[in-house]
Amino acid sequence: MPLISVQFGAGGVSVEREFEVAPRVGDILQITYGDEQYDLLVDIAQHSEDPEDNSMRYFVHAGVIEDLSAELKRQMDRGRG
C-alpha cells in the first residue's frame, strides 16, 4: 500500500496515511487526526518520482467538508447531469 502525504485544513495539517489505491481529485477521504475525524474532499492529487531512490511520492491536498450529506448529494446530482 502506498504511503501518501495528505494536507488539509486552514492550518495546513499534514499527515501520512496508507491507502490501497491512491486518492484522485473528487474523492472523499475520512481521516482521523488527534481525537478528531475529518471528512475531506480531494482537490489536488499528484505523484512524482524521487530522483535519489527512484521511489514514487504521492501528495494529496483536500478541503474539509462541513456538511458531508450535502456534498454527497451534490456529487450524485452532478453524476446524473
N, C-alpha and C. Protein backbone atom coordinates (compact mmCIF):
# COMPACT_ATOMS: atom_id res chain seq x y z
N MET A 1 0.83 -1.18 0.00
CA MET A 1 0.00 0.00 0.00
C MET A 1 0.88 1.24 0.00
N PRO A 2 0.55 2.18 -0.88
CA PRO A 2 1.39 3.39 -0.91
C PRO A 2 1.13 4.29 0.30
N LEU A 3 2.20 4.86 0.82
CA LEU A 3 2.12 5.85 1.90
C LEU A 3 1.96 7.21 1.24
N ILE A 4 0.89 7.92 1.59
CA ILE A 4 0.55 9.17 0.91
C ILE A 4 0.47 10.30 1.91
N SER A 5 1.07 11.42 1.56
CA SER A 5 1.00 12.62 2.38
C SER A 5 -0.29 13.35 2.05
N VAL A 6 -1.10 13.62 3.09
CA VAL A 6 -2.38 14.29 2.93
C VAL A 6 -2.31 15.62 3.68
N GLN A 7 -2.54 16.72 2.97
CA GLN A 7 -2.55 18.04 3.59
C GLN A 7 -3.97 18.60 3.53
N PHE A 8 -4.42 19.17 4.67
CA PHE A 8 -5.78 19.69 4.72
C PHE A 8 -5.91 20.75 5.80
N GLY A 9 -7.02 21.48 5.74
CA GLY A 9 -7.35 22.46 6.77
C GLY A 9 -6.63 23.79 6.59
N ALA A 10 -7.18 24.79 7.28
CA ALA A 10 -6.64 26.14 7.18
C ALA A 10 -5.22 26.24 7.72
N GLY A 11 -4.90 25.42 8.70
CA GLY A 11 -3.56 25.45 9.29
C GLY A 11 -2.54 24.61 8.53
N GLY A 12 -2.98 23.98 7.45
CA GLY A 12 -2.06 23.17 6.66
C GLY A 12 -1.61 21.91 7.38
N VAL A 13 -2.54 21.22 8.04
CA VAL A 13 -2.22 19.97 8.72
C VAL A 13 -1.75 18.96 7.68
N SER A 14 -0.69 18.27 7.97
CA SER A 14 -0.17 17.27 7.05
C SER A 14 0.02 15.94 7.80
N VAL A 15 -0.57 14.89 7.24
CA VAL A 15 -0.45 13.55 7.82
C VAL A 15 -0.06 12.58 6.72
N GLU A 16 0.51 11.46 7.10
CA GLU A 16 0.80 10.41 6.14
C GLU A 16 -0.06 9.20 6.48
N ARG A 17 -0.72 8.67 5.47
CA ARG A 17 -1.58 7.51 5.65
C ARG A 17 -1.35 6.54 4.51
N GLU A 18 -1.64 5.26 4.78
CA GLU A 18 -1.57 4.25 3.73
C GLU A 18 -2.95 4.10 3.10
N PHE A 19 -2.97 3.97 1.78
CA PHE A 19 -4.20 3.76 1.03
C PHE A 19 -3.98 2.57 0.10
N GLU A 20 -5.03 1.80 -0.09
CA GLU A 20 -4.94 0.67 -1.03
C GLU A 20 -4.77 1.18 -2.45
N VAL A 21 -5.49 2.26 -2.76
CA VAL A 21 -5.43 2.91 -4.07
C VAL A 21 -5.22 4.40 -3.82
N ALA A 22 -4.33 5.00 -4.57
CA ALA A 22 -4.06 6.43 -4.40
C ALA A 22 -5.33 7.24 -4.67
N PRO A 23 -5.68 8.18 -3.77
CA PRO A 23 -6.87 9.00 -3.97
C PRO A 23 -6.74 9.89 -5.21
N ARG A 24 -7.89 10.18 -5.82
CA ARG A 24 -7.96 11.04 -7.00
C ARG A 24 -8.76 12.30 -6.67
N VAL A 25 -8.62 13.31 -7.51
CA VAL A 25 -9.40 14.54 -7.34
C VAL A 25 -10.88 14.18 -7.35
N GLY A 26 -11.62 14.73 -6.37
CA GLY A 26 -13.04 14.45 -6.25
C GLY A 26 -13.37 13.36 -5.25
N ASP A 27 -12.37 12.57 -4.85
CA ASP A 27 -12.61 11.51 -3.86
C ASP A 27 -12.85 12.13 -2.48
N ILE A 28 -13.64 11.44 -1.68
CA ILE A 28 -13.88 11.84 -0.30
C ILE A 28 -13.08 10.90 0.60
N LEU A 29 -12.30 11.49 1.50
CA LEU A 29 -11.49 10.72 2.45
C LEU A 29 -11.97 10.99 3.86
N GLN A 30 -11.86 9.98 4.72
CA GLN A 30 -12.09 10.17 6.14
C GLN A 30 -10.77 9.96 6.84
N ILE A 31 -10.31 10.99 7.52
CA ILE A 31 -9.01 10.98 8.19
C ILE A 31 -9.22 11.24 9.68
N THR A 32 -8.57 10.47 10.52
CA THR A 32 -8.56 10.74 11.95
C THR A 32 -7.23 11.41 12.26
N TYR A 33 -7.31 12.56 12.91
CA TYR A 33 -6.13 13.32 13.30
C TYR A 33 -6.32 13.74 14.74
N GLY A 34 -5.45 13.26 15.61
CA GLY A 34 -5.65 13.50 17.03
C GLY A 34 -6.91 12.77 17.46
N ASP A 35 -7.81 13.47 18.10
CA ASP A 35 -9.08 12.88 18.53
C ASP A 35 -10.23 13.22 17.59
N GLU A 36 -9.92 13.91 16.50
CA GLU A 36 -10.95 14.39 15.58
C GLU A 36 -10.98 13.54 14.31
N GLN A 37 -12.19 13.38 13.75
CA GLN A 37 -12.34 12.72 12.45
C GLN A 37 -12.77 13.78 11.45
N TYR A 38 -12.12 13.80 10.28
CA TYR A 38 -12.40 14.79 9.25
C TYR A 38 -12.87 14.09 7.97
N ASP A 39 -13.87 14.68 7.35
CA ASP A 39 -14.29 14.28 6.01
C ASP A 39 -13.65 15.28 5.06
N LEU A 40 -12.91 14.78 4.08
CA LEU A 40 -12.13 15.65 3.19
C LEU A 40 -12.50 15.39 1.74
N LEU A 41 -12.48 16.47 0.95
CA LEU A 41 -12.70 16.37 -0.50
C LEU A 41 -11.38 16.69 -1.18
N VAL A 42 -10.84 15.73 -1.91
CA VAL A 42 -9.55 15.89 -2.58
C VAL A 42 -9.67 16.88 -3.73
N ASP A 43 -8.81 17.94 -3.71
CA ASP A 43 -8.82 18.90 -4.80
C ASP A 43 -7.51 18.92 -5.58
N ILE A 44 -6.45 18.33 -5.03
CA ILE A 44 -5.18 18.18 -5.75
C ILE A 44 -4.64 16.79 -5.42
N ALA A 45 -4.21 16.07 -6.43
CA ALA A 45 -3.57 14.77 -6.24
C ALA A 45 -2.43 14.67 -7.25
N GLN A 46 -1.23 14.45 -6.75
CA GLN A 46 -0.10 14.37 -7.67
C GLN A 46 0.90 13.35 -7.16
N HIS A 47 1.69 12.86 -8.08
CA HIS A 47 2.77 11.95 -7.71
C HIS A 47 4.02 12.36 -8.47
N SER A 48 5.13 12.02 -7.90
CA SER A 48 6.41 12.31 -8.54
C SER A 48 7.40 11.23 -8.15
N GLU A 49 8.46 11.13 -8.90
CA GLU A 49 9.49 10.14 -8.62
C GLU A 49 10.65 10.82 -7.90
N ASP A 50 11.08 10.22 -6.80
CA ASP A 50 12.22 10.75 -6.06
C ASP A 50 13.48 10.36 -6.81
N PRO A 51 14.27 11.33 -7.28
CA PRO A 51 15.44 11.02 -8.09
C PRO A 51 16.54 10.26 -7.33
N GLU A 52 16.53 10.37 -6.00
CA GLU A 52 17.59 9.71 -5.22
C GLU A 52 17.42 8.20 -5.16
N ASP A 53 16.18 7.74 -4.96
CA ASP A 53 15.99 6.30 -4.83
C ASP A 53 14.94 5.73 -5.80
N ASN A 54 14.50 6.56 -6.76
CA ASN A 54 13.53 6.16 -7.77
C ASN A 54 12.19 5.69 -7.21
N SER A 55 11.88 6.05 -5.96
CA SER A 55 10.59 5.68 -5.38
C SER A 55 9.55 6.74 -5.76
N MET A 56 8.29 6.34 -5.74
CA MET A 56 7.20 7.26 -6.06
C MET A 56 6.74 7.95 -4.78
N ARG A 57 6.49 9.23 -4.88
CA ARG A 57 5.97 10.04 -3.77
C ARG A 57 4.57 10.51 -4.17
N TYR A 58 3.63 10.40 -3.25
CA TYR A 58 2.26 10.82 -3.52
C TYR A 58 1.89 11.95 -2.57
N PHE A 59 1.19 12.95 -3.09
CA PHE A 59 0.75 14.10 -2.32
C PHE A 59 -0.70 14.38 -2.65
N VAL A 60 -1.50 14.62 -1.62
CA VAL A 60 -2.90 14.95 -1.79
C VAL A 60 -3.22 16.18 -0.96
N HIS A 61 -3.93 17.14 -1.55
CA HIS A 61 -4.45 18.28 -0.79
C HIS A 61 -5.96 18.15 -0.80
N ALA A 62 -6.58 18.40 0.35
CA ALA A 62 -8.03 18.24 0.45
C ALA A 62 -8.62 19.33 1.32
N GLY A 63 -9.85 19.71 1.00
CA GLY A 63 -10.59 20.66 1.82
C GLY A 63 -11.49 19.92 2.79
N VAL A 64 -11.69 20.50 3.95
CA VAL A 64 -12.57 19.90 4.95
C VAL A 64 -14.02 20.10 4.51
N ILE A 65 -14.78 19.03 4.51
CA ILE A 65 -16.20 19.08 4.15
C ILE A 65 -16.99 19.42 5.42
N GLU A 66 -17.71 20.52 5.36
CA GLU A 66 -18.50 20.94 6.53
C GLU A 66 -19.80 20.14 6.65
N ASP A 67 -20.42 19.80 5.52
CA ASP A 67 -21.69 19.07 5.53
C ASP A 67 -21.57 17.89 4.55
N LEU A 68 -21.25 16.71 5.10
CA LEU A 68 -20.99 15.54 4.26
C LEU A 68 -22.22 15.15 3.45
N SER A 69 -23.40 15.16 4.04
CA SER A 69 -24.59 14.75 3.29
C SER A 69 -24.86 15.70 2.12
N ALA A 70 -24.64 17.00 2.31
CA ALA A 70 -24.82 17.96 1.21
C ALA A 70 -23.80 17.71 0.11
N GLU A 71 -22.55 17.40 0.47
CA GLU A 71 -21.52 17.12 -0.54
C GLU A 71 -21.84 15.84 -1.31
N LEU A 72 -22.31 14.80 -0.63
CA LEU A 72 -22.69 13.56 -1.31
C LEU A 72 -23.84 13.79 -2.27
N LYS A 73 -24.82 14.59 -1.85
CA LYS A 73 -25.95 14.91 -2.74
C LYS A 73 -25.45 15.69 -3.96
N ARG A 74 -24.57 16.65 -3.75
CA ARG A 74 -24.03 17.44 -4.86
C ARG A 74 -23.31 16.54 -5.86
N GLN A 75 -22.52 15.58 -5.36
CA GLN A 75 -21.81 14.68 -6.27
C GLN A 75 -22.77 13.77 -7.01
N MET A 76 -23.82 13.29 -6.34
CA MET A 76 -24.80 12.44 -7.02
C MET A 76 -25.54 13.23 -8.09
N ASP A 77 -25.91 14.47 -7.78
CA ASP A 77 -26.61 15.32 -8.76
C ASP A 77 -25.71 15.58 -9.97
N ARG A 78 -24.44 15.83 -9.74
CA ARG A 78 -23.50 16.07 -10.82
C ARG A 78 -23.34 14.81 -11.69
N GLY A 79 -23.39 13.64 -11.07
CA GLY A 79 -23.25 12.39 -11.80
C GLY A 79 -24.44 12.10 -12.70
N ARG A 80 -25.59 12.62 -12.35
CA ARG A 80 -26.80 12.40 -13.16
C ARG A 80 -26.87 13.35 -14.34
N GLY A 81 -26.18 14.49 -14.24
CA GLY A 81 -26.31 15.53 -15.27
C GLY A 81 -25.49 15.34 -16.44
